[in-house]
C-alpha atoms as a PDB file:
ATOM      1  CA  MET A   1       9.522  -5.679   6.875  1.00  0.00           C
ATOM      2  CA  LEU A   2      13.129  -6.674   6.793  1.00  0.00           C
ATOM      3  CA  SER A   3      15.647  -4.472   8.598  1.00  0.00           C
ATOM      4  CA  ALA A   4      18.733  -3.240   6.648  1.00  0.00           C
ATOM      5  CA  ALA A   5      20.840  -5.924   8.472  1.00  0.00           C
ATOM      6  CA  ASP A   6      18.105  -8.675   7.590  1.00  0.00           C
ATOM      7  CA  LEU A   7      18.443  -7.755   3.923  1.00  0.00           C
ATOM      8  CA  ARG A   8      22.217  -8.258   3.930  1.00  0.00           C
ATOM      9  CA  SER A   9      22.212 -11.448   6.038  1.00  0.00           C
ATOM     10  CA  THR A  10      18.979 -13.364   5.317  1.00  0.00           C
ATOM     11  CA  ALA A  11      19.051 -15.764   2.491  1.00  0.00           C
ATOM     12  CA  ARG A  12      15.253 -15.988   2.179  1.00  0.00           C
ATOM     13  CA  ARG A  13      12.415 -13.771   3.308  1.00  0.00           C
ATOM     14  CA  ARG A  14      10.241 -14.452   6.391  1.00  0.00           C
ATOM     15  CA  ARG A  15       7.075 -14.569   4.336  1.00  0.00           C
ATOM     16  CA  ALA A  16       6.502 -16.220   0.882  1.00  0.00           C
ATOM     17  CA  PRO A  17       5.945 -13.929  -1.982  1.00  0.00           C
ATOM     18  CA  TYR A  18       2.729 -13.856  -3.830  1.00  0.00           C
ATOM     19  CA  SER A  19       2.692 -16.459  -6.633  1.00  0.00           C
ATOM     20  CA  GLU A  20       1.922 -15.513 -10.302  1.00  0.00           C
ATOM     21  CA  LYS A  21      -1.225 -17.483 -10.085  1.00  0.00           C
ATOM     22  CA  GLN A  22      -2.384 -15.401  -7.091  1.00  0.00           C
ATOM     23  CA  HIS A  23      -1.634 -12.283  -9.024  1.00  0.00           C
ATOM     24  CA  TYR A  24      -3.463 -13.679 -12.109  1.00  0.00           C
ATOM     25  CA  GLN A  25      -6.689 -14.328 -10.035  1.00  0.00           C
ATOM     26  CA  GLU A  26      -6.443 -10.807  -8.662  1.00  0.00           C
ATOM     27  CA  TYR A  27      -6.234  -9.468 -12.263  1.00  0.00           C
ATOM     28  CA  ILE A  28      -9.189 -11.407 -13.203  1.00  0.00           C
ATOM     29  CA  LEU A  29     -11.404 -10.376 -10.223  1.00  0.00           C
ATOM     30  CA  GLN A  30     -10.331  -6.625 -10.667  1.00  0.00           C
ATOM     31  CA  ARG A  31     -11.493  -6.584 -14.295  1.00  0.00           C
ATOM     32  CA  ILE A  32     -14.743  -8.381 -13.402  1.00  0.00           C
ATOM     33  CA  GLU A  33     -15.558  -5.860 -10.535  1.00  0.00           C
ATOM     34  CA  GLY A  34     -14.415  -2.926 -12.797  1.00  0.00           C
ATOM     35  CA  TYR A  35     -16.803  -4.119 -15.467  1.00  0.00           C
ATOM     36  CA  LYS A  36     -19.761  -4.576 -13.009  1.00  0.00           C
ATOM     37  CA  ASN A  37     -19.124  -0.982 -11.753  1.00  0.00           C
ATOM     38  CA  SER A  38     -19.034   0.329 -15.250  1.00  0.00           C
ATOM     39  CA  ILE A  39     -22.466  -0.913 -16.551  1.00  0.00           C
ATOM     40  CA  GLY A  40     -25.930   0.021 -15.509  1.00  0.00           C
ATOM     41  CA  ARG A  41     -28.315  -2.022 -13.454  1.00  0.00           C
ATOM     42  CA  ASP A  42     -30.472  -3.001 -16.531  1.00  0.00           C
ATOM     43  CA  GLU A  43     -27.243  -4.540 -18.235  1.00  0.00           C
ATOM     44  CA  LEU A  44     -26.343  -6.308 -15.147  1.00  0.00           C
ATOM     45  CA  MET A  45     -29.758  -7.821 -14.879  1.00  0.00           C
ATOM     46  CA  ARG A  46     -29.536  -8.877 -18.473  1.00  0.00           C
ATOM     47  CA  LEU A  47     -26.276 -10.757 -17.636  1.00  0.00           C
ATOM     48  CA  GLY A  48     -28.099 -12.304 -14.707  1.00  0.00           C
ATOM     49  CA  ASP A  49     -30.823 -13.650 -17.061  1.00  0.00           C
ATOM     50  CA  GLU A  50     -28.317 -14.857 -19.508  1.00  0.00           C
ATOM     51  CA  ALA A  51     -26.578 -16.743 -16.763  1.00  0.00           C
ATOM     52  CA  ALA A  52     -29.791 -18.254 -15.536  1.00  0.00           C
ATOM     53  CA  SER A  53     -30.725 -19.486 -19.028  1.00  0.00           C
ATOM     54  CA  GLU A  54     -27.334 -20.882 -19.605  1.00  0.00           C
ATOM     55  CA  LEU A  55     -27.378 -22.849 -16.235  1.00  0.00           C
ATOM     56  CA  ALA A  56     -30.907 -24.156 -16.866  1.00  0.00           C
ATOM     57  CA  ALA A  57     -29.794 -25.505 -20.286  1.00  0.00           C
ATOM     58  CA  MET A  58     -26.730 -27.196 -18.891  1.00  0.00           C
ATOM     59  CA  SER A  59     -28.301 -28.620 -15.723  1.00  0.00           C
ATOM     60  CA  GLU A  60     -31.515 -30.161 -17.316  1.00  0.00           C
ATOM     61  CA  GLY A  61     -33.095 -30.006 -13.810  1.00  0.00           C
ATOM     62  CA  GLN A  62     -30.259 -32.073 -12.162  1.00  0.00           C
ATOM     63  CA  PHE A  63     -29.321 -29.574  -9.497  1.00  0.00           C
ATOM     64  CA  VAL A  64     -30.815 -26.569  -7.694  1.00  0.00           C
ATOM     65  CA  LEU A  65     -29.916 -23.050  -9.021  1.00  0.00           C
ATOM     66  CA  THR A  66     -28.073 -21.180  -6.315  1.00  0.00           C
ATOM     67  CA  GLU A  67     -26.877 -17.703  -5.801  1.00  0.00           C
ATOM     68  CA  VAL A  68     -23.195 -18.988  -5.877  1.00  0.00           C
ATOM     69  CA  LEU A  69     -23.772 -20.667  -9.139  1.00  0.00           C
ATOM     70  CA  MET A  70     -25.333 -17.562 -10.545  1.00  0.00           C
ATOM     71  CA  LEU A  71     -22.543 -15.364  -9.501  1.00  0.00           C
ATOM     72  CA  GLU A  72     -19.828 -17.814 -10.950  1.00  0.00           C
ATOM     73  CA  THR A  73     -21.699 -18.028 -14.104  1.00  0.00           C
ATOM     74  CA  VAL A  74     -22.002 -14.188 -14.412  1.00  0.00           C
ATOM     75  CA  ASP A  75     -18.326 -13.733 -13.755  1.00  0.00           C
ATOM     76  CA  ARG A  76     -17.494 -16.369 -16.468  1.00  0.00           C
ATOM     77  CA  LEU A  77     -19.751 -14.507 -18.921  1.00  0.00           C
ATOM     78  CA  ILE A  78     -17.937 -11.155 -18.117  1.00  0.00           C
ATOM     79  CA  VAL A  79     -14.442 -12.828 -18.567  1.00  0.00           C
ATOM     80  CA  LYS A  80     -15.661 -14.004 -22.032  1.00  0.00           C
ATOM     81  CA  ARG A  81     -17.252 -10.683 -22.924  1.00  0.00           C
ATOM     82  CA  LEU A  82     -14.011  -8.863 -22.042  1.00  0.00           C
ATOM     83  CA  ALA A  83     -11.874 -11.454 -23.836  1.00  0.00           C
ATOM     84  CA  LEU A  84      -9.449 -11.620 -20.780  1.00  0.00           C
ATOM     85  CA  ARG A  85      -6.005 -13.142 -21.678  1.00  0.00           C
ATOM     86  CA  PRO A  86      -5.419 -16.714 -20.533  1.00  0.00           C
ATOM     87  CA  TYR A  87      -2.866 -17.257 -17.755  1.00  0.00           C
ATOM     88  CA  ASN A  88       0.208 -18.120 -19.951  1.00  0.00           C
ATOM     89  CA  ARG A  89      -0.334 -15.049 -22.271  1.00  0.00           C
ATOM     90  CA  TRP A  90      -0.972 -12.883 -19.221  1.00  0.00           C
ATOM     91  CA  ARG A  91       2.098 -14.187 -17.421  1.00  0.00           C
ATOM     92  CA  ARG A  92       4.578 -13.148 -20.189  1.00  0.00           C
ATOM     93  CA  GLN A  93       3.389  -9.480 -19.975  1.00  0.00           C
ATOM     94  CA  PHE A  94       3.014  -9.518 -16.112  1.00  0.00           C
ATOM     95  CA  ILE A  95       6.617 -10.432 -15.392  1.00  0.00           C
ATOM     96  CA  LYS A  96       7.966  -7.531 -17.601  1.00  0.00           C
ATOM     97  CA  LEU A  97       5.309  -5.132 -16.131  1.00  0.00           C
ATOM     98  CA  ARG A  98       5.909  -5.957 -12.403  1.00  0.00           C
ATOM     99  CA  GLU A  99       9.716  -5.738 -12.928  1.00  0.00           C
ATOM    100  CA  ALA A 100       9.225  -2.143 -14.188  1.00  0.00           C
ATOM    101  CA  GLN A 101       6.740  -1.376 -11.562  1.00  0.00           C
ATOM    102  CA  ARG A 102       9.212  -2.252  -8.804  1.00  0.00           C
ATOM    103  CA  THR A 103      11.736   0.337 -10.077  1.00  0.00           C
ATOM    104  CA  PRO A 104      11.374   3.638  -8.504  1.00  0.00           C
ATOM    105  CA  THR A 105      12.058   5.466 -11.758  1.00  0.00           C
ATOM    106  CA  HIS A 106       8.945   3.875 -13.171  1.00  0.00           C
ATOM    107  CA  TRP A 107       6.950   6.279 -10.678  1.00  0.00           C
ATOM    108  CA  GLY A 108       9.256   9.126 -11.039  1.00  0.00           C
ATOM    109  CA  LEU A 109      11.090   8.410  -7.874  1.00  0.00           C
ATOM    110  CA  GLU A 110      15.049   8.631  -7.305  1.00  0.00           C
ATOM    111  CA  PRO A 111      16.540   5.123  -7.304  1.00  0.00           C
ATOM    112  CA  GLY A 112      18.942   6.287  -4.558  1.00  0.00           C
ATOM    113  CA  GLY A 113      16.068   8.045  -2.519  1.00  0.00           C
ATOM    114  CA  ALA A 114      14.733   6.837   0.737  1.00  0.00           C
ATOM    115  CA  LEU A 115      11.872   4.908  -0.831  1.00  0.00           C
ATOM    116  CA  GLY A 116      14.184   3.284  -3.463  1.00  0.00           C
ATOM    117  CA  ARG A 117      16.405   1.934  -0.713  1.00  0.00           C
ATOM    118  CA  LEU A 118      13.618   0.849   1.517  1.00  0.00           C
ATOM    119  CA  ALA A 119      11.608  -0.889  -1.356  1.00  0.00           C
ATOM    120  CA  PRO A 120      13.711  -4.179  -1.462  1.00  0.00           C
ATOM    121  CA  ARG A 121      12.950  -4.644   2.349  1.00  0.00           C
ATOM    122  CA  ILE A 122       9.318  -4.822   1.851  1.00  0.00           C
ATOM    123  CA  GLU A 123       7.714  -8.278   2.335  1.00  0.00           C
ATOM    124  CA  PRO A 124       4.392  -9.481   1.041  1.00  0.00           C
ATOM    125  CA  ARG A 125       1.302  -8.179   3.127  1.00  0.00           C
ATOM    126  CA  ASP A 126       3.378  -5.553   5.083  1.00  0.00           C
ATOM    127  CA  ALA A 127       1.075  -2.934   6.402  1.00  0.00           C
ATOM    128  CA  ALA A 128       1.871   0.440   4.900  1.00  0.00           C
ATOM    129  CA  LEU A 129       0.274   3.731   5.411  1.00  0.00           C
ATOM    130  CA  VAL A 130       0.708   6.602   2.897  1.00  0.00           C
ATOM    131  CA  VAL A 131      -0.590  10.001   3.993  1.00  0.00           C
ATOM    132  CA  GLY A 132      -0.917  13.092   1.594  1.00  0.00           C
ATOM    133  CA  SER A 133      -1.215  13.646  -2.099  1.00  0.00           C
ATOM    134  CA  ALA A 134       2.576  14.292  -2.561  1.00  0.00           C
ATOM    135  CA  ALA A 135       3.202  10.846  -1.471  1.00  0.00           C
ATOM    136  CA  GLU A 136       1.042   9.174  -4.282  1.00  0.00           C
ATOM    137  CA  ALA A 137       4.182   7.741  -6.036  1.00  0.00           C
ATOM    138  CA  ALA A 138       5.128   5.956  -2.850  1.00  0.00           C
ATOM    139  CA  ALA A 139       1.749   4.186  -2.684  1.00  0.00           C
ATOM    140  CA  TYR A 140       2.309   2.750  -6.264  1.00  0.00           C
ATOM    141  CA  LEU A 141       5.870   1.614  -5.432  1.00  0.00           C
ATOM    142  CA  LEU A 142       4.866  -0.194  -2.211  1.00  0.00           C
ATOM    143  CA  ALA A 143       1.950  -1.833  -3.819  1.00  0.00           C
ATOM    144  CA  ALA A 144       4.208  -3.104  -6.575  1.00  0.00           C
ATOM    145  CA  HIS A 145       6.151  -4.844  -3.855  1.00  0.00           C
ATOM    146  CA  ASP A 146       2.995  -6.539  -2.531  1.00  0.00           C
ATOM    147  CA  ALA A 147       2.560  -4.362   0.529  1.00  0.00           C
ATOM    148  CA  ALA A 148      -0.922  -3.793   1.876  1.00  0.00           C
ATOM    149  CA  VAL A 149      -1.332  -0.039   1.157  1.00  0.00           C
ATOM    150  CA  THR A 150      -3.683   2.345   2.868  1.00  0.00           C
ATOM    151  CA  PHE A 151      -3.655   5.716   1.215  1.00  0.00           C
ATOM    152  CA  ILE A 152      -5.211   8.926   2.772  1.00  0.00           C
ATOM    153  CA  ALA A 153      -5.574  12.342   1.091  1.00  0.00           C
ATOM    154  CA  GLY A 154      -7.933  15.325   1.618  1.00  0.00           C
ATOM    155  CA  ASP A 155      -8.384  15.660  -2.131  1.00  0.00           C
ATOM    156  CA  LEU A 156     -11.194  13.456  -3.522  1.00  0.00           C
ATOM    157  CA  GLY A 157      -9.711  13.778  -7.044  1.00  0.00           C
ATOM    158  CA  CYS A 158      -6.311  12.559  -5.867  1.00  0.00           C
ATOM    159  CA  VAL A 159      -7.845   9.537  -4.224  1.00  0.00           C
ATOM    160  CA  GLU A 160      -9.898   8.681  -7.322  1.00  0.00           C
ATOM    161  CA  ARG A 161      -6.870   9.134  -9.535  1.00  0.00           C
ATOM    162  CA  VAL A 162      -4.744   6.849  -7.207  1.00  0.00           C
ATOM    163  CA  GLU A 163      -7.573   4.113  -7.120  1.00  0.00           C
ATOM    164  CA  SER A 164      -7.876   4.196 -11.008  1.00  0.00           C
ATOM    165  CA  ARG A 165      -4.200   3.825 -11.599  1.00  0.00           C
ATOM    166  CA  MET A 166      -3.908   1.052  -8.969  1.00  0.00           C
ATOM    167  CA  ALA A 167      -6.525  -0.827 -10.873  1.00  0.00           C
ATOM    168  CA  THR A 168      -4.980  -0.049 -14.403  1.00  0.00           C
ATOM    169  CA  GLU A 169      -1.642  -1.246 -13.171  1.00  0.00           C
ATOM    170  CA  SER A 170      -3.107  -4.404 -11.659  1.00  0.00           C
ATOM    171  CA  LEU A 171      -1.952  -3.203  -8.092  1.00  0.00           C
ATOM    172  CA  ALA A 172      -5.344  -2.903  -6.420  1.00  0.00           C
ATOM    173  CA  GLY A 173      -5.631  -6.179  -4.711  1.00  0.00           C
ATOM    174  CA  MET A 174      -4.436  -5.042  -1.347  1.00  0.00           C
ATOM    175  CA  PHE A 175      -5.090  -1.345  -1.713  1.00  0.00           C
ATOM    176  CA  GLU A 176      -7.613   0.979   0.131  1.00  0.00           C
ATOM    177  CA  GLY A 177      -8.033   4.739  -0.555  1.00  0.00           C
ATOM    178  CA  TYR A 178      -9.633   7.195   1.759  1.00  0.00           C
ATOM    179  CA  VAL A 179     -10.589  10.789   1.578  1.00  0.00           C
ATOM    180  CA  ALA A 180     -10.225  12.507   5.032  1.00  0.00           C
ATOM    181  CA  GLN A 181      -9.380  15.841   6.437  1.00  0.00           C
ATOM    182  CA  LEU A 182      -6.764  15.008   9.108  1.00  0.00           C
ATOM    183  CA  GLY A 183      -6.437  16.561  12.564  1.00  0.00           C
ATOM    184  CA  SER A 184      -4.862  15.489  15.877  1.00  0.00           C
ATOM    185  CA  ALA A 185      -5.458  11.790  15.068  1.00  0.00           C
ATOM    186  CA  LEU A 186      -6.649   9.577  12.204  1.00  0.00           C
ATOM    187  CA  PRO A 187     -10.218   9.420  11.579  1.00  0.00           C
ATOM    188  CA  GLY A 188     -12.254   6.839  13.506  1.00  0.00           C
ATOM    189  CA  PHE A 189     -12.962   4.734  10.424  1.00  0.00           C
ATOM    190  CA  LEU A 190      -9.347   3.952  10.341  1.00  0.00           C
ATOM    191  CA  ASP A 191      -9.155   2.442  13.770  1.00  0.00           C
ATOM    192  CA  ALA A 192      -8.272  -0.914  12.186  1.00  0.00           C
ATOM    193  CA  VAL A 193      -5.057   0.573  10.691  1.00  0.00           C
ATOM    194  CA  ASP A 194      -2.700  -0.744  13.135  1.00  0.00           C
ATOM    195  CA  GLU A 195       0.709  -2.703  13.586  1.00  0.00           C
ATOM    196  CA  LEU A 196       2.198  -0.591  10.692  1.00  0.00           C
ATOM    197  CA  HIS A 197       5.494  -1.730   9.091  1.00  0.00           C
ATOM    198  CA  LEU A 198       5.919   1.493   7.088  1.00  0.00           C
ATOM    199  CA  VAL A 199       4.385   5.017   7.162  1.00  0.00           C
ATOM    200  CA  VAL A 200       5.118   7.526   4.453  1.00  0.00           C
ATOM    201  CA  ILE A 201       4.133  11.219   5.267  1.00  0.00           C
ATOM    202  CA  ASP A 202       3.764  14.133   2.984  1.00  0.00           C
ATOM    203  CA  PRO A 203       4.385  17.032   5.670  1.00  0.00           C
ATOM    204  CA  SER A 204       2.163  19.356   3.558  1.00  0.00           C
ATOM    205  CA  VAL A 205      -0.639  17.563   5.411  1.00  0.00           C
ATOM    206  CA  ILE A 206       0.456  18.763   8.815  1.00  0.00           C
ATOM    207  CA  ALA A 207       2.180  21.977   7.899  1.00  0.00           C
ATOM    208  CA  GLU A 208      -0.844  24.136   8.924  1.00  0.00           C
ATOM    209  CA  PHE A 209      -1.449  22.252  12.142  1.00  0.00           C
ATOM    210  CA  THR A 210      -0.433  23.992  15.496  1.00  0.00           C
ATOM    211  CA  PRO A 211       2.584  22.482  17.153  1.00  0.00           C
ATOM    212  CA  ALA A 212       0.460  20.594  19.720  1.00  0.00           C
ATOM    213  CA  VAL A 213      -1.938  19.080  17.132  1.00  0.00           C
ATOM    214  CA  ARG A 214       1.149  18.038  14.954  1.00  0.00           C
ATOM    215  CA  ALA A 215       2.735  16.443  17.905  1.00  0.00           C
ATOM    216  CA  ARG A 216      -0.510  14.428  18.693  1.00  0.00           C
ATOM    217  CA  PHE A 217      -0.937  13.341  15.065  1.00  0.00           C
ATOM    218  CA  LEU A 218       2.554  12.056  14.773  1.00  0.00           C
ATOM    219  CA  ASP A 219       2.343  10.363  18.160  1.00  0.00           C
ATOM    220  CA  ASP A 220      -0.808   8.627  16.946  1.00  0.00           C
ATOM    221  CA  LEU A 221       1.032   7.196  14.030  1.00  0.00           C
ATOM    222  CA  GLN A 222       4.017   6.140  16.111  1.00  0.00           C
ATOM    223  CA  ARG A 223       1.737   4.183  18.399  1.00  0.00           C
ATOM    224  CA  ARG A 224       0.192   2.404  15.556  1.00  0.00           C
ATOM    225  CA  SER A 225       3.597   1.317  14.261  1.00  0.00           C
ATOM    226  CA  ARG A 226       5.186  -2.015  14.996  1.00  0.00           C
ATOM    227  CA  PRO A 227       8.448  -2.231  16.864  1.00  0.00           C
ATOM    228  CA  GLY A 228      11.074  -1.770  14.148  1.00  0.00           C
ATOM    229  CA  GLY A 229       8.546  -0.059  11.900  1.00  0.00           C
ATOM    230  CA  VAL A 230       9.830   2.749   9.705  1.00  0.00           C
ATOM    231  CA  HIS A 231       8.475   6.341   9.185  1.00  0.00           C
ATOM    232  CA  VAL A 232       9.492   8.144   6.013  1.00  0.00           C
ATOM    233  CA  ILE A 233       8.920  11.998   6.083  1.00  0.00           C
ATOM    234  CA  LEU A 234       9.085  13.392   2.531  1.00  0.00           C
ATOM    235  CA  GLY A 235      10.952  16.518   1.706  1.00  0.00           C
ATOM    236  CA  SER A 236       7.868  17.588  -0.294  1.00  0.00           C
ATOM    237  CA  CYS A 237       6.828  20.615   1.670  1.00  0.00           C
ATOM    238  CA  PRO A 238       9.031  23.858   1.267  1.00  0.00           C
ATOM    239  CA  GLY A 239       7.498  25.354   4.478  1.00  0.00           C
ATOM    240  CA  LEU A 240       8.162  22.286   6.813  1.00  0.00           C
ATOM    241  CA  ALA A 241      11.491  20.505   6.535  1.00  0.00           C
ATOM    242  CA  PRO A 242      11.538  16.891   7.595  1.00  0.00           C
ATOM    243  CA  GLU A 243      14.466  17.317   9.948  1.00  0.00           C
ATOM    244  CA  SER A 244      12.358  19.858  11.928  1.00  0.00           C
ATOM    245  CA  LEU A 245       9.991  17.054  12.947  1.00  0.00           C
ATOM    246  CA  ARG A 246      12.775  14.795  14.284  1.00  0.00           C
ATOM    247  CA  GLY A 247      12.346  16.042  17.857  1.00  0.00           C
ATOM    248  CA  LEU A 248       8.828  14.576  17.819  1.00  0.00           C
ATOM    249  CA  TYR A 249      10.140  11.057  17.368  1.00  0.00           C
ATOM    250  CA  HIS A 250      11.523  10.369  20.953  1.00  0.00           C
ATOM    251  CA  GLY A 251      13.608   7.311  20.959  1.00  0.00           C
ATOM    252  CA  TRP A 252      13.455   6.681  17.173  1.00  0.00           C
ATOM    253  CA  GLU A 253      16.630   6.101  15.423  1.00  0.00           C
ATOM    254  CA  PRO A 254      17.684   7.488  11.966  1.00  0.00           C
ATOM    255  CA  GLU A 255      18.190   4.518   9.470  1.00  0.00           C
ATOM    256  CA  GLU A 256      21.720   3.855   8.662  1.00  0.00           C
ATOM    257  CA  GLU A 257      20.929   3.561   5.035  1.00  0.00           C
ATOM    258  CA  ALA A 258      19.671   7.043   5.017  1.00  0.00           C
ATOM    259  CA  ARG A 259      22.936   8.536   6.185  1.00  0.00           C
ATOM    260  CA  ARG A 260      24.625   7.756   2.784  1.00  0.00           C
ATOM    261  CA  ARG A 261      25.576  10.898   0.949  1.00  0.00           C
ATOM    262  CA  ARG A 262      23.528  11.740  -2.022  1.00  0.00           C
ATOM    263  CA  ARG A 263      23.776  14.275  -4.776  1.00  0.00           C
ATOM    264  CA  PRO A 264      22.475  17.595  -3.709  1.00  0.00           C
ATOM    265  CA  THR A 265      18.854  18.210  -4.694  1.00  0.00           C
ATOM    266  CA  ARG A 266      16.603  21.409  -4.579  1.00  0.00           C
ATOM    267  CA  ARG A 267      14.274  19.836  -2.046  1.00  0.00           C
ATOM    268  CA  PRO A 268      15.194  18.743   1.535  1.00  0.00           C
ATOM    269  CA  GLU A 269      16.297  15.098   2.090  1.00  0.00           C
ATOM    270  CA  ASP A 270      13.568  12.710   3.184  1.00  0.00           C
ATOM    271  CA  LEU A 271      13.805  11.844   6.893  1.00  0.00           C
ATOM    272  CA  VAL A 272      13.914   8.026   7.602  1.00  0.00           C
ATOM    273  CA  LEU A 273      13.348   6.864  11.288  1.00  0.00           C
ATOM    274  CA  ALA A 274      12.980   3.455  12.762  1.00  0.00           C
ATOM    275  CA  LYS A 275      10.919   2.601  15.983  1.00  0.00           C
ATOM    276  CA  PRO A 276      12.928   0.900  18.624  1.00  0.00           C
ATOM    277  CA  THR A 277      12.390  -2.799  18.767  1.00  0.00           C
ATOM    278  CA  CYS A 278      11.688  -2.713  22.576  1.00  0.00           C
ATOM    279  CA  PRO A 279      10.398   0.088  24.795  1.00  0.00           C
ATOM    280  CA  PRO A 280      12.890   2.271  26.485  1.00  0.00           C
ATOM    281  CA  ASP A 281      12.094   0.944  30.034  1.00  0.00           C
ATOM    282  CA  THR A 282      12.714  -2.564  28.787  1.00  0.00           C
ATOM    283  CA  GLN A 283      16.030  -1.580  27.395  1.00  0.00           C
ATOM    284  CA  ALA A 284      17.060  -0.081  30.661  1.00  0.00           C
ATOM    285  CA  ALA A 285      15.963  -2.982  32.874  1.00  0.00           C
ATOM    286  CA  PRO A 286      19.214  -5.034  32.826  1.00  0.00           C
ATOM    287  CA  LEU A 287      21.246  -2.032  33.790  1.00  0.00           C
ATOM    288  CA  ALA A 288      18.845  -1.239  36.766  1.00  0.00           C
ATOM    289  CA  ALA A 289      19.011  -4.791  37.892  1.00  0.00           C
ATOM    290  CA  SER A 290      22.814  -4.739  37.988  1.00  0.00           C
ATOM    291  CA  ILE A 291      22.955  -1.785  40.400  1.00  0.00           C
END
């Protein structure tokens, strides 16, 4: 993830963006998998029989029928059955759609809000964790900027809704959704969620925690974040203002971009904090050595 200074001074990003061909392959794979999940076992077996018959007719005994060939042929039959658009036709619509998806207002977010300001700094494959149902729109916006998004909510219906819309909007390529009741730390099955570039938190998730549990939970997320990583605490919970959590982020600095004045809103301002790029003891070492 680029810093605010990087965005102003760097002519090109550190990571190459996804090509349209890659997005097209994801579109095809998502539609194929969606179709397989929507049909029953009997229909899937009939597709397999059709693929086997087609391969046998084409090969005339010249090569051995393999599982890979079967899977490729089944996928090709599904593409034909769904009449999926060829690349050139898909591309014309995709460019317009992705341009709209990268606009905060497309998801009901303020263009001048914290996420709207941070979105241009997202680089392809940045690891983003989005926590809480009120942060749903953030998950879509980050996915539209090619971040690898992990979304967690305690409501099964919410997670299923997000998964469905991600697929519908062709954003599911690097998305994972989980249903979990959170406590003092992230569930064990999320141990691989590490080296985070960006974390977006709906404070409603932690509003009912005791102060000690709340502190442990946020500390866990801070340790999982990369140096220079950013946390956004949304002003989505009337009972827990983001600013009240600032004391739990020892050494983290408020983002300069977040200090700009905005129009007054009915909800509290989002809190945007950046992790130090080096530990406090490392920062203090040169001073200690000079004494």
